[in-house]
Amino acid sequence: YELSFLKDYHLKLEAYYQYIDHAPVESQVSSFSMLNAGAD
């Protein structure tokens, strides 16, 4: 939702949902996921 008012004011509101699948994980049982890559 977006709203412009008083000539020079702007408001924007967004709600979002994202579902990810086929992410690379280890074949053996572990907590690893490539979705965490880039944090280190």
PDB file of all heavy atoms in Angstrom:
ATOM      1  N   TYR A   1       0.868  -1.192   0.000  1.00  0.00           N
ATOM      2  CA  TYR A   1       0.000   0.000   0.000  1.00  0.00           C
ATOM      3  C   TYR A   1       0.896   1.230   0.000  1.00  0.00           C
ATOM      4  O   TYR A   1       1.848   1.312   0.774  1.00  0.00           O
ATOM      5  CB  TYR A   1      -0.916   0.002   1.226  1.00  0.00           C
ATOM      6  CG  TYR A   1      -1.747   1.262   1.364  1.00  0.00           C
ATOM      7  CD1 TYR A   1      -2.878   1.464   0.574  1.00  0.00           C
ATOM      8  CD2 TYR A   1      -1.398   2.241   2.287  1.00  0.00           C
ATOM      9  CE1 TYR A   1      -3.636   2.616   0.692  1.00  0.00           C
ATOM     10  CE2 TYR A   1      -2.152   3.400   2.416  1.00  0.00           C
ATOM     11  CZ  TYR A   1      -3.271   3.584   1.614  1.00  0.00           C
ATOM     12  OH  TYR A   1      -4.019   4.730   1.730  1.00  0.00           O
ATOM     13  N   GLU A   2       0.590   2.187  -0.884  1.00  0.00           N
ATOM     14  CA  GLU A   2       1.371   3.413  -0.961  1.00  0.00           C
ATOM     15  C   GLU A   2       0.446   4.622  -0.929  1.00  0.00           C
ATOM     16  O   GLU A   2      -0.648   4.588  -1.484  1.00  0.00           O
ATOM     17  CB  GLU A   2       2.213   3.454  -2.238  1.00  0.00           C
ATOM     18  CG  GLU A   2       3.362   2.466  -2.255  1.00  0.00           C
ATOM     19  CD  GLU A   2       4.336   2.706  -3.396  1.00  0.00           C
ATOM     20  OE1 GLU A   2       4.852   3.838  -3.490  1.00  0.00           O
ATOM     21  OE2 GLU A   2       4.575   1.775  -4.174  1.00  0.00           O
ATOM     22  N   LEU A   3       0.940   5.699  -0.290  1.00  0.00           N
ATOM     23  CA  LEU A   3       0.153   6.923  -0.178  1.00  0.00           C
ATOM     24  C   LEU A   3       1.085   8.125  -0.221  1.00  0.00           C
ATOM     25  O   LEU A   3       2.076   8.190   0.511  1.00  0.00           O
ATOM     26  CB  LEU A   3      -0.633   6.924   1.142  1.00  0.00           C
ATOM     27  CG  LEU A   3      -1.423   8.205   1.454  1.00  0.00           C
ATOM     28  CD1 LEU A   3      -2.555   8.395   0.434  1.00  0.00           C
ATOM     29  CD2 LEU A   3      -1.975   8.154   2.877  1.00  0.00           C
ATOM     30  N   SER A   4       0.785   9.085  -1.093  1.00  0.00           N
ATOM     31  CA  SER A   4       1.509  10.356  -1.146  1.00  0.00           C
ATOM     32  C   SER A   4       0.561  11.448  -0.667  1.00  0.00           C
ATOM     33  O   SER A   4      -0.607  11.501  -1.088  1.00  0.00           O
ATOM     34  CB  SER A   4       1.980  10.655  -2.569  1.00  0.00           C
ATOM     35  OG  SER A   4       2.926   9.695  -2.999  1.00  0.00           O
ATOM     36  N   PHE A   5       1.053  12.333   0.212  1.00  0.00           N
ATOM     37  CA  PHE A   5       0.186  13.364   0.766  1.00  0.00           C
ATOM     38  C   PHE A   5       1.002  14.598   1.146  1.00  0.00           C
ATOM     39  O   PHE A   5       2.236  14.544   1.261  1.00  0.00           O
ATOM     40  CB  PHE A   5      -0.572  12.828   1.987  1.00  0.00           C
ATOM     41  CG  PHE A   5       0.298  12.331   3.099  1.00  0.00           C
ATOM     42  CD1 PHE A   5       0.558  13.120   4.210  1.00  0.00           C
ATOM     43  CD2 PHE A   5       0.875  11.062   3.045  1.00  0.00           C
ATOM     44  CE1 PHE A   5       1.356  12.656   5.243  1.00  0.00           C
ATOM     45  CE2 PHE A   5       1.678  10.587   4.078  1.00  0.00           C
ATOM     46  CZ  PHE A   5       1.918  11.405   5.171  1.00  0.00           C
ATOM     47  N   LEU A   6       0.324  15.711   1.310  1.00  0.00           N
ATOM     48  CA  LEU A   6       0.934  16.994   1.669  1.00  0.00           C
ATOM     49  C   LEU A   6       2.102  17.357   0.753  1.00  0.00           C
ATOM     50  O   LEU A   6       3.106  17.916   1.178  1.00  0.00           O
ATOM     51  CB  LEU A   6       1.395  16.982   3.129  1.00  0.00           C
ATOM     52  CG  LEU A   6       0.310  16.802   4.184  1.00  0.00           C
ATOM     53  CD1 LEU A   6       0.923  16.744   5.574  1.00  0.00           C
ATOM     54  CD2 LEU A   6      -0.722  17.927   4.103  1.00  0.00           C
ATOM     55  N   LYS A   7       1.992  16.992  -0.527  1.00  0.00           N
ATOM     56  CA  LYS A   7       2.939  17.331  -1.589  1.00  0.00           C
ATOM     57  C   LYS A   7       4.292  16.636  -1.478  1.00  0.00           C
ATOM     58  O   LYS A   7       4.840  16.167  -2.466  1.00  0.00           O
ATOM     59  CB  LYS A   7       3.159  18.845  -1.659  1.00  0.00           C
ATOM     60  CG  LYS A   7       1.916  19.620  -2.085  1.00  0.00           C
ATOM     61  CD  LYS A   7       2.234  21.102  -2.215  1.00  0.00           C
ATOM     62  CE  LYS A   7       0.991  21.861  -2.670  1.00  0.00           C
ATOM     63  NZ  LYS A   7       1.264  23.316  -2.805  1.00  0.00           N
ATOM     64  N   ASP A   8       4.874  16.577  -0.289  1.00  0.00           N
ATOM     65  CA  ASP A   8       6.240  16.054  -0.174  1.00  0.00           C
ATOM     66  C   ASP A   8       6.381  14.914   0.829  1.00  0.00           C
ATOM     67  O   ASP A   8       7.474  14.629   1.295  1.00  0.00           O
ATOM     68  CB  ASP A   8       7.219  17.178   0.189  1.00  0.00           C
ATOM     69  CG  ASP A   8       6.746  18.008   1.373  1.00  0.00           C
ATOM     70  OD1 ASP A   8       5.709  17.666   1.964  1.00  0.00           O
ATOM     71  OD2 ASP A   8       7.421  19.002   1.714  1.00  0.00           O
ATOM     72  N   TYR A   9       5.285  14.246   1.166  1.00  0.00           N
ATOM     73  CA  TYR A   9       5.330  13.107   2.078  1.00  0.00           C
ATOM     74  C   TYR A   9       4.916  11.835   1.334  1.00  0.00           C
ATOM     75  O   TYR A   9       4.036  11.862   0.462  1.00  0.00           O
ATOM     76  CB  TYR A   9       4.404  13.300   3.278  1.00  0.00           C
ATOM     77  CG  TYR A   9       4.925  14.285   4.294  1.00  0.00           C
ATOM     78  CD1 TYR A   9       4.759  15.655   4.105  1.00  0.00           C
ATOM     79  CD2 TYR A   9       5.593  13.850   5.434  1.00  0.00           C
ATOM     80  CE1 TYR A   9       5.238  16.568   5.041  1.00  0.00           C
ATOM     81  CE2 TYR A   9       6.076  14.750   6.374  1.00  0.00           C
ATOM     82  CZ  TYR A   9       5.892  16.110   6.172  1.00  0.00           C
ATOM     83  OH  TYR A   9       6.378  17.009   7.079  1.00  0.00           O
ATOM     84  N   HIS A  10       5.550  10.726   1.715  1.00  0.00           N
ATOM     85  CA  HIS A  10       5.263   9.458   1.051  1.00  0.00           C
ATOM     86  C   HIS A  10       5.264   8.335   2.085  1.00  0.00           C
ATOM     87  O   HIS A  10       6.182   8.217   2.909  1.00  0.00           O
ATOM     88  CB  HIS A  10       6.313   9.178  -0.034  1.00  0.00           C
ATOM     89  CG  HIS A  10       6.118   7.887  -0.745  1.00  0.00           C
ATOM     90  ND1 HIS A  10       7.029   6.859  -0.716  1.00  0.00           N
ATOM     91  CD2 HIS A  10       5.085   7.438  -1.515  1.00  0.00           C
ATOM     92  CE1 HIS A  10       6.591   5.843  -1.425  1.00  0.00           C
ATOM     93  NE2 HIS A  10       5.410   6.163  -1.926  1.00  0.00           N
ATOM     94  N   LEU A  11       4.249   7.489   2.042  1.00  0.00           N
ATOM     95  CA  LEU A  11       4.110   6.361   2.968  1.00  0.00           C
ATOM     96  C   LEU A  11       3.998   5.082   2.163  1.00  0.00           C
ATOM     97  O   LEU A  11       3.260   5.016   1.175  1.00  0.00           O
ATOM     98  CB  LEU A  11       2.864   6.537   3.844  1.00  0.00           C
ATOM     99  CG  LEU A  11       2.489   5.363   4.765  1.00  0.00           C
ATOM    100  CD1 LEU A  11       3.528   5.198   5.872  1.00  0.00           C
ATOM    101  CD2 LEU A  11       1.106   5.577   5.369  1.00  0.00           C
ATOM    102  N   LYS A  12       4.718   4.049   2.584  1.00  0.00           N
ATOM    103  CA  LYS A  12       4.658   2.756   1.910  1.00  0.00           C
ATOM    104  C   LYS A  12       4.626   1.647   2.957  1.00  0.00           C
ATOM    105  O   LYS A  12       5.428   1.635   3.892  1.00  0.00           O
ATOM    106  CB  LYS A  12       5.876   2.570   0.998  1.00  0.00           C
ATOM    107  CG  LYS A  12       5.877   1.266   0.218  1.00  0.00           C
ATOM    108  CD  LYS A  12       7.086   1.185  -0.694  1.00  0.00           C
ATOM    109  CE  LYS A  12       7.106  -0.102  -1.487  1.00  0.00           C
ATOM    110  NZ  LYS A  12       8.304  -0.201  -2.371  1.00  0.00           N
ATOM    111  N   LEU A  13       3.711   0.705   2.782  1.00  0.00           N
ATOM    112  CA  LEU A  13       3.552  -0.419   3.702  1.00  0.00           C
ATOM    113  C   LEU A  13       3.495  -1.705   2.892  1.00  0.00           C
ATOM    114  O   LEU A  13       2.759  -1.785   1.909  1.00  0.00           O
ATOM    115  CB  LEU A  13       2.275  -0.254   4.532  1.00  0.00           C
ATOM    116  CG  LEU A  13       1.990  -1.298   5.619  1.00  0.00           C
ATOM    117  CD1 LEU A  13       3.064  -1.252   6.708  1.00  0.00           C
ATOM    118  CD2 LEU A  13       0.615  -1.080   6.213  1.00  0.00           C
ATOM    119  N   GLU A  14       4.278  -2.707   3.295  1.00  0.00           N
ATOM    120  CA  GLU A  14       4.322  -3.977   2.576  1.00  0.00           C
ATOM    121  C   GLU A  14       4.314  -5.152   3.542  1.00  0.00           C
ATOM    122  O   GLU A  14       4.992  -5.117   4.573  1.00  0.00           O
ATOM    123  CB  GLU A  14       5.579  -4.081   1.702  1.00  0.00           C
ATOM    124  CG  GLU A  14       5.445  -3.492   0.328  1.00  0.00           C
ATOM    125  CD  GLU A  14       6.618  -3.841  -0.561  1.00  0.00           C
ATOM    126  OE1 GLU A  14       7.575  -4.471  -0.086  1.00  0.00           O
ATOM    127  OE2 GLU A  14       6.574  -3.472  -1.752  1.00  0.00           O
ATOM    128  N   ALA A  15       3.557  -6.173   3.192  1.00  0.00           N
ATOM    129  CA  ALA A  15       3.608  -7.456   3.883  1.00  0.00           C
ATOM    130  C   ALA A  15       4.018  -8.504   2.854  1.00  0.00           C
ATOM    131  O   ALA A  15       3.592  -8.452   1.694  1.00  0.00           O
ATOM    132  CB  ALA A  15       2.253  -7.814   4.482  1.00  0.00           C
ATOM    133  N   TYR A  16       4.876  -9.447   3.242  1.00  0.00           N
ATOM    134  CA  TYR A  16       5.388 -10.401   2.267  1.00  0.00           C
ATOM    135  C   TYR A  16       5.566 -11.787   2.896  1.00  0.00           C
ATOM    136  O   TYR A  16       5.698 -11.926   4.120  1.00  0.00           O
ATOM    137  CB  TYR A  16       6.734  -9.934   1.695  1.00  0.00           C
ATOM    138  CG  TYR A  16       7.842  -9.868   2.719  1.00  0.00           C
ATOM    139  CD1 TYR A  16       8.658 -10.963   2.976  1.00  0.00           C
ATOM    140  CD2 TYR A  16       8.062  -8.713   3.462  1.00  0.00           C
ATOM    141  CE1 TYR A  16       9.666 -10.919   3.920  1.00  0.00           C
ATOM    142  CE2 TYR A  16       9.064  -8.652   4.410  1.00  0.00           C
ATOM    143  CZ  TYR A  16       9.862  -9.744   4.636  1.00  0.00           C
ATOM    144  OH  TYR A  16      10.849  -9.695   5.592  1.00  0.00           O
ATOM    145  N   TYR A  17       5.543 -12.791   2.018  1.00  0.00           N
ATOM    146  CA  TYR A  17       5.839 -14.167   2.417  1.00  0.00           C
ATOM    147  C   TYR A  17       6.644 -14.818   1.294  1.00  0.00           C
ATOM    148  O   TYR A  17       6.315 -14.659   0.108  1.00  0.00           O
ATOM    149  CB  TYR A  17       4.565 -14.971   2.673  1.00  0.00           C
ATOM    150  CG  TYR A  17       4.835 -16.422   3.015  1.00  0.00           C
ATOM    151  CD1 TYR A  17       5.222 -16.788   4.299  1.00  0.00           C
ATOM    152  CD2 TYR A  17       4.730 -17.417   2.045  1.00  0.00           C
ATOM    153  CE1 TYR A  17       5.487 -18.117   4.614  1.00  0.00           C
ATOM    154  CE2 TYR A  17       4.993 -18.744   2.354  1.00  0.00           C
ATOM    155  CZ  TYR A  17       5.378 -19.086   3.640  1.00  0.00           C
ATOM    156  OH  TYR A  17       5.654 -20.395   3.940  1.00  0.00           O
ATOM    157  N   GLN A  18       7.694 -15.528   1.651  1.00  0.00           N
ATOM    158  CA  GLN A  18       8.530 -16.228   0.666  1.00  0.00           C
ATOM    159  C   GLN A  18       8.765 -17.657   1.145  1.00  0.00           C
ATOM    160  O   GLN A  18       9.186 -17.868   2.294  1.00  0.00           O
ATOM    161  CB  GLN A  18       9.874 -15.512   0.506  1.00  0.00           C
ATOM    162  CG  GLN A  18      10.822 -16.210  -0.470  1.00  0.00           C
ATOM    163  CD  GLN A  18      12.223 -15.626  -0.452  1.00  0.00           C
ATOM    164  OE1 GLN A  18      12.725 -15.248   0.605  1.00  0.00           O
ATOM    165  NE2 GLN A  18      12.854 -15.545  -1.613  1.00  0.00           N
ATOM    166  N   TYR A  19       8.494 -18.610   0.262  1.00  0.00           N
ATOM    167  CA  TYR A  19       8.784 -20.017   0.559  1.00  0.00           C
ATOM    168  C   TYR A  19       9.878 -20.488  -0.388  1.00  0.00           C
ATOM    169  O   TYR A  19       9.816 -20.269  -1.597  1.00  0.00           O
ATOM    170  CB  TYR A  19       7.539 -20.884   0.389  1.00  0.00           C
ATOM    171  CG  TYR A  19       7.786 -22.340   0.710  1.00  0.00           C
ATOM    172  CD1 TYR A  19       7.870 -22.763   2.029  1.00  0.00           C
ATOM    173  CD2 TYR A  19       7.960 -23.284  -0.298  1.00  0.00           C
ATOM    174  CE1 TYR A  19       8.119 -24.096   2.340  1.00  0.00           C
ATOM    175  CE2 TYR A  19       8.210 -24.617  -0.002  1.00  0.00           C
ATOM    176  CZ  TYR A  19       8.292 -25.008   1.327  1.00  0.00           C
ATOM    177  OH  TYR A  19       8.549 -26.331   1.634  1.00  0.00           O
ATOM    178  N   ILE A  20      10.883 -21.147   0.163  1.00  0.00           N
ATOM    179  CA  ILE A  20      12.041 -21.603  -0.604  1.00  0.00           C
ATOM    180  C   ILE A  20      12.136 -23.114  -0.513  1.00  0.00           C
ATOM    181  O   ILE A  20      12.003 -23.693   0.578  1.00  0.00           O
ATOM    182  CB  ILE A  20      13.344 -20.977  -0.052  1.00  0.00           C
ATOM    183  CG1 ILE A  20      13.237 -19.452  -0.042  1.00  0.00           C
ATOM    184  CG2 ILE A  20      14.559 -21.420  -0.861  1.00  0.00           C
ATOM    185  CD1 ILE A  20      14.345 -18.774   0.741  1.00  0.00           C
ATOM    186  N   ASP A  21      12.371 -23.766  -1.648  1.00  0.00           N
ATOM    187  CA  ASP A  21      12.628 -25.202  -1.620  1.00  0.00           C
ATOM    188  C   ASP A  21      13.777 -25.531  -2.586  1.00  0.00           C
ATOM    189  O   ASP A  21      14.313 -24.663  -3.261  1.00  0.00           O
ATOM    190  CB  ASP A  21      11.369 -26.011  -1.940  1.00  0.00           C
ATOM    191  CG  ASP A  21      10.861 -25.778  -3.343  1.00  0.00           C
ATOM    192  OD1 ASP A  21      11.377 -24.873  -4.028  1.00  0.00           O
ATOM    193  OD2 ASP A  21       9.931 -26.492  -3.761  1.00  0.00           O
ATOM    194  N   HIS A  22      14.175 -26.788  -2.588  1.00  0.00           N
ATOM    195  CA  HIS A  22      15.329 -27.250  -3.363  1.00  0.00           C
ATOM    196  C   HIS A  22      16.623 -26.544  -2.934  1.00  0.00           C
ATOM    197  O   HIS A  22      17.539 -26.377  -3.728  1.00  0.00           O
ATOM    198  CB  HIS A  22      15.111 -27.047  -4.868  1.00  0.00           C
ATOM    199  CG  HIS A  22      14.197 -28.070  -5.476  1.00  0.00           C
ATOM    200  ND1 HIS A  22      12.901 -28.239  -5.049  1.00  0.00           N
ATOM    201  CD2 HIS A  22      14.381 -28.963  -6.491  1.00  0.00           C
ATOM    202  CE1 HIS A  22      12.315 -29.173  -5.765  1.00  0.00           C
ATOM    203  NE2 HIS A  22      13.198 -29.655  -6.639  1.00  0.00           N
ATOM    204  N   ALA A  23      16.693 -26.122  -1.683  1.00  0.00           N
ATOM    205  CA  ALA A  23      17.921 -25.499  -1.186  1.00  0.00           C
ATOM    206  C   ALA A  23      18.971 -26.579  -0.911  1.00  0.00           C
ATOM    207  O   ALA A  23      18.635 -27.657  -0.407  1.00  0.00           O
ATOM    208  CB  ALA A  23      17.648 -24.715   0.097  1.00  0.00           C
ATOM    209  N   PRO A  24      20.238 -26.350  -1.228  1.00  0.00           N
ATOM    210  CA  PRO A  24      21.282 -27.351  -0.988  1.00  0.00           C
ATOM    211  C   PRO A  24      21.518 -27.592   0.505  1.00  0.00           C
ATOM    212  O   PRO A  24      21.743 -26.657   1.267  1.00  0.00           O
ATOM    213  CB  PRO A  24      22.525 -26.731  -1.639  1.00  0.00           C
ATOM    214  CG  PRO A  24      21.993 -25.754  -2.636  1.00  0.00           C
ATOM    215  CD  PRO A  24      20.747 -25.206  -2.014  1.00  0.00           C
ATOM    216  N   VAL A  25      21.442 -28.863   0.901  1.00  0.00           N
ATOM    217  CA  VAL A  25      21.768 -29.298   2.266  1.00  0.00           C
ATOM    218  C   VAL A  25      22.651 -30.530   2.152  1.00  0.00           C
ATOM    219  O   VAL A  25      22.820 -31.102   1.075  1.00  0.00           O
ATOM    220  CB  VAL A  25      20.489 -29.618   3.080  1.00  0.00           C
ATOM    221  CG1 VAL A  25      19.639 -28.373   3.255  1.00  0.00           C
ATOM    222  CG2 VAL A  25      19.682 -30.721   2.397  1.00  0.00           C
ATOM    223  N   GLU A  26      23.237 -30.943   3.269  1.00  0.00           N
ATOM    224  CA  GLU A  26      24.124 -32.107   3.231  1.00  0.00           C
ATOM    225  C   GLU A  26      23.317 -33.402   3.117  1.00  0.00           C
ATOM    226  O   GLU A  26      22.215 -33.515   3.661  1.00  0.00           O
ATOM    227  CB  GLU A  26      25.003 -32.137   4.476  1.00  0.00           C
ATOM    228  CG  GLU A  26      26.058 -31.036   4.490  1.00  0.00           C
ATOM    229  CD  GLU A  26      26.985 -31.138   5.680  1.00  0.00           C
ATOM    230  OE1 GLU A  26      26.508 -31.454   6.778  1.00  0.00           O
ATOM    231  OE2 GLU A  26      28.188 -30.892   5.505  1.00  0.00           O
ATOM    232  N   SER A  27      23.877 -34.384   2.420  1.00  0.00           N
ATOM    233  CA  SER A  27      23.192 -35.665   2.270  1.00  0.00           C
ATOM    234  C   SER A  27      23.120 -36.414   3.596  1.00  0.00           C
ATOM    235  O   SER A  27      22.158 -37.126   3.859  1.00  0.00           O
ATOM    236  CB  SER A  27      23.894 -36.526   1.211  1.00  0.00           C
ATOM    237  OG  SER A  27      25.266 -36.696   1.535  1.00  0.00           O
ATOM    238  N   GLN A  28      24.142 -36.257   4.445  1.00  0.00           N
ATOM    239  CA  GLN A  28      24.063 -36.835   5.783  1.00  0.00           C
ATOM    240  C   GLN A  28      23.268 -35.897   6.693  1.00  0.00           C
ATOM    241  O   GLN A  28      23.131 -34.716   6.407  1.00  0.00           O
ATOM    242  CB  GLN A  28      25.459 -37.093   6.368  1.00  0.00           C
ATOM    243  CG  GLN A  28      26.271 -35.845   6.672  1.00  0.00           C
ATOM    244  CD  GLN A  28      27.127 -35.397   5.515  1.00  0.00           C
ATOM    245  OE1 GLN A  28      26.820 -35.692   4.361  1.00  0.00           O
ATOM    246  NE2 GLN A  28      28.208 -34.694   5.821  1.00  0.00           N
ATOM    247  N   VAL A  29      22.745 -36.414   7.790  1.00  0.00           N
ATOM    248  CA  VAL A  29      21.896 -35.630   8.689  1.00  0.00           C
ATOM    249  C   VAL A  29      22.719 -34.533   9.357  1.00  0.00           C
ATOM    250  O   VAL A  29      23.700 -34.804  10.060  1.00  0.00           O
ATOM    251  CB  VAL A  29      21.248 -36.541   9.752  1.00  0.00           C
ATOM    252  CG1 VAL A  29      20.457 -35.705  10.749  1.00  0.00           C
ATOM    253  CG2 VAL A  29      20.345 -37.571   9.083  1.00  0.00           C
ATOM    254  N   SER A  30      22.315 -33.274   9.130  1.00  0.00           N
ATOM    255  CA  SER A  30      23.000 -32.140   9.762  1.00  0.00           C
ATOM    256  C   SER A  30      22.110 -30.908   9.672  1.00  0.00           C
ATOM    257  O   SER A  30      21.081 -30.910   8.995  1.00  0.00           O
ATOM    258  CB  SER A  30      24.347 -31.853   9.074  1.00  0.00           C
ATOM    259  OG  SER A  30      24.162 -31.166   7.858  1.00  0.00           O
ATOM    260  N   SER A  31      22.526 -29.834  10.331  1.00  0.00           N
ATOM    261  CA  SER A  31      21.774 -28.576  10.312  1.00  0.00           C
ATOM    262  C   SER A  31      22.213 -27.660   9.170  1.00  0.00           C
ATOM    263  O   SER A  31      21.656 -26.578   8.995  1.00  0.00           O
ATOM    264  CB  SER A  31      21.971 -27.835  11.649  1.00  0.00           C
ATOM    265  OG  SER A  31      23.338 -27.445  11.796  1.00  0.00           O
ATOM    266  N   PHE A  32      23.179 -28.078   8.380  1.00  0.00           N
ATOM    267  CA  PHE A  32      23.727 -27.203   7.330  1.00  0.00           C
ATOM    268  C   PHE A  32      22.695 -26.915   6.240  1.00  0.00           C
ATOM    269  O   PHE A  32      21.949 -27.794   5.820  1.00  0.00           O
ATOM    270  CB  PHE A  32      24.955 -27.841   6.686  1.00  0.00           C
ATOM    271  CG  PHE A  32      25.475 -27.060   5.503  1.00  0.00           C
ATOM    272  CD1 PHE A  32      26.320 -25.977   5.690  1.00  0.00           C
ATOM    273  CD2 PHE A  32      25.084 -27.393   4.209  1.00  0.00           C
ATOM    274  CE1 PHE A  32      26.772 -25.237   4.604  1.00  0.00           C
ATOM    275  CE2 PHE A  32      25.542 -26.655   3.113  1.00  0.00           C
ATOM    276  CZ  PHE A  32      26.388 -25.582   3.325  1.00  0.00           C
ATOM    277  N   SER A  33      22.692 -25.663   5.763  1.00  0.00           N
ATOM    278  CA  SER A  33      21.922 -25.275   4.592  1.00  0.00           C
ATOM    279  C   SER A  33      22.644 -24.134   3.896  1.00  0.00           C
ATOM    280  O   SER A  33      23.163 -23.223   4.550  1.00  0.00           O
ATOM    281  CB  SER A  33      20.505 -24.830   4.980  1.00  0.00           C
ATOM    282  OG  SER A  33      19.828 -24.306   3.849  1.00  0.00           O
ATOM    283  N   MET A  34      22.643 -24.176   2.579  1.00  0.00           N
ATOM    284  CA  MET A  34      23.269 -23.104   1.812  1.00  0.00           C
ATOM    285  C   MET A  34      22.513 -21.790   1.951  1.00  0.00           C
ATOM    286  O   MET A  34      23.021 -20.729   1.587  1.00  0.00           O
ATOM    287  CB  MET A  34      23.362 -23.512   0.339  1.00  0.00           C
ATOM    288  CG  MET A  34      24.277 -22.639  -0.501  1.00  0.00           C
ATOM    289  SD  MET A  34      26.005 -22.679   0.030  1.00  0.00           S
ATOM    290  CE  MET A  34      26.494 -24.310  -0.582  1.00  0.00           C
ATOM    291  N   LEU A  35      21.316 -21.810   2.521  1.00  0.00           N
ATOM    292  CA  LEU A  35      20.565 -20.586   2.751  1.00  0.00           C
ATOM    293  C   LEU A  35      21.256 -19.676   3.766  1.00  0.00           C
ATOM    294  O   LEU A  35      20.936 -18.488   3.847  1.00  0.00           O
ATOM    295  CB  LEU A  35      19.147 -20.920   3.239  1.00  0.00           C
ATOM    296  CG  LEU A  35      18.247 -21.650   2.243  1.00  0.00           C
ATOM    297  CD1 LEU A  35      16.884 -21.907   2.852  1.00  0.00           C
ATOM    298  CD2 LEU A  35      18.112 -20.858   0.952  1.00  0.00           C
ATOM    299  N   ASN A  36      22.196 -20.219   4.538  1.00  0.00           N
ATOM    300  CA  ASN A  36      22.945 -19.409   5.498  1.00  0.00           C
ATOM    301  C   ASN A  36      24.267 -18.894   4.919  1.00  0.00           C
ATOM    302  O   ASN A  36      25.009 -18.195   5.612  1.00  0.00           O
ATOM    303  CB  ASN A  36      23.233 -20.220   6.768  1.00  0.00           C
ATOM    304  CG  ASN A  36      21.966 -20.554   7.527  1.00  0.00           C
ATOM    305  OD1 ASN A  36      21.128 -19.697   7.790  1.00  0.00           O
ATOM    306  ND2 ASN A  36      21.796 -21.829   7.871  1.00  0.00           N
ATOM    307  N   ALA A  37      24.557 -19.230   3.680  1.00  0.00           N
ATOM    308  CA  ALA A  37      25.811 -18.788   3.071  1.00  0.00           C
ATOM    309  C   ALA A  37      25.845 -17.272   2.963  1.00  0.00           C
ATOM    310  O   ALA A  37      24.855 -16.637   2.622  1.00  0.00           O
ATOM    311  CB  ALA A  37      25.970 -19.409   1.681  1.00  0.00           C
ATOM    312  N   GLY A  38      26.989 -16.698   3.263  1.00  0.00           N
ATOM    313  CA  GLY A  38      27.148 -15.250   3.217  1.00  0.00           C
ATOM    314  C   GLY A  38      27.123 -14.596   4.580  1.00  0.00           C
ATOM    315  O   GLY A  38      27.462 -13.415   4.712  1.00  0.00           O
ATOM    316  N   ALA A  39      26.733 -15.333   5.615  1.00  0.00           N
ATOM    317  CA  ALA A  39      26.693 -14.753   6.955  1.00  0.00           C
ATOM    318  C   ALA A  39      28.075 -14.712   7.598  1.00  0.00           C
ATOM    319  O   ALA A  39      28.328 -13.909   8.493  1.00  0.00           O
ATOM    320  CB  ALA A  39      25.739 -15.553   7.847  1.00  0.00           C
ATOM    321  N   ASP A  40      28.972 -15.589   7.150  1.00  0.00           N
ATOM    322  CA  ASP A  40      30.340 -15.622   7.682  1.00  0.00           C
ATOM    323  C   ASP A  40      31.292 -14.940   6.708  1.00  0.00           C
ATOM    324  O   ASP A  40      30.921 -14.539   5.607  1.00  0.00           O
ATOM    325  CB  ASP A  40      30.784 -17.074   7.910  1.00  0.00           C
ATOM    326  CG  ASP A  40      29.942 -17.766   8.976  1.00  0.00           C
ATOM    327  OD1 ASP A  40      29.538 -17.086   9.933  1.00  0.00           O
ATOM    328  OD2 ASP A  40      29.686 -18.977   8.833  1.00  0.00           O
TER     329      ASP A  40
END
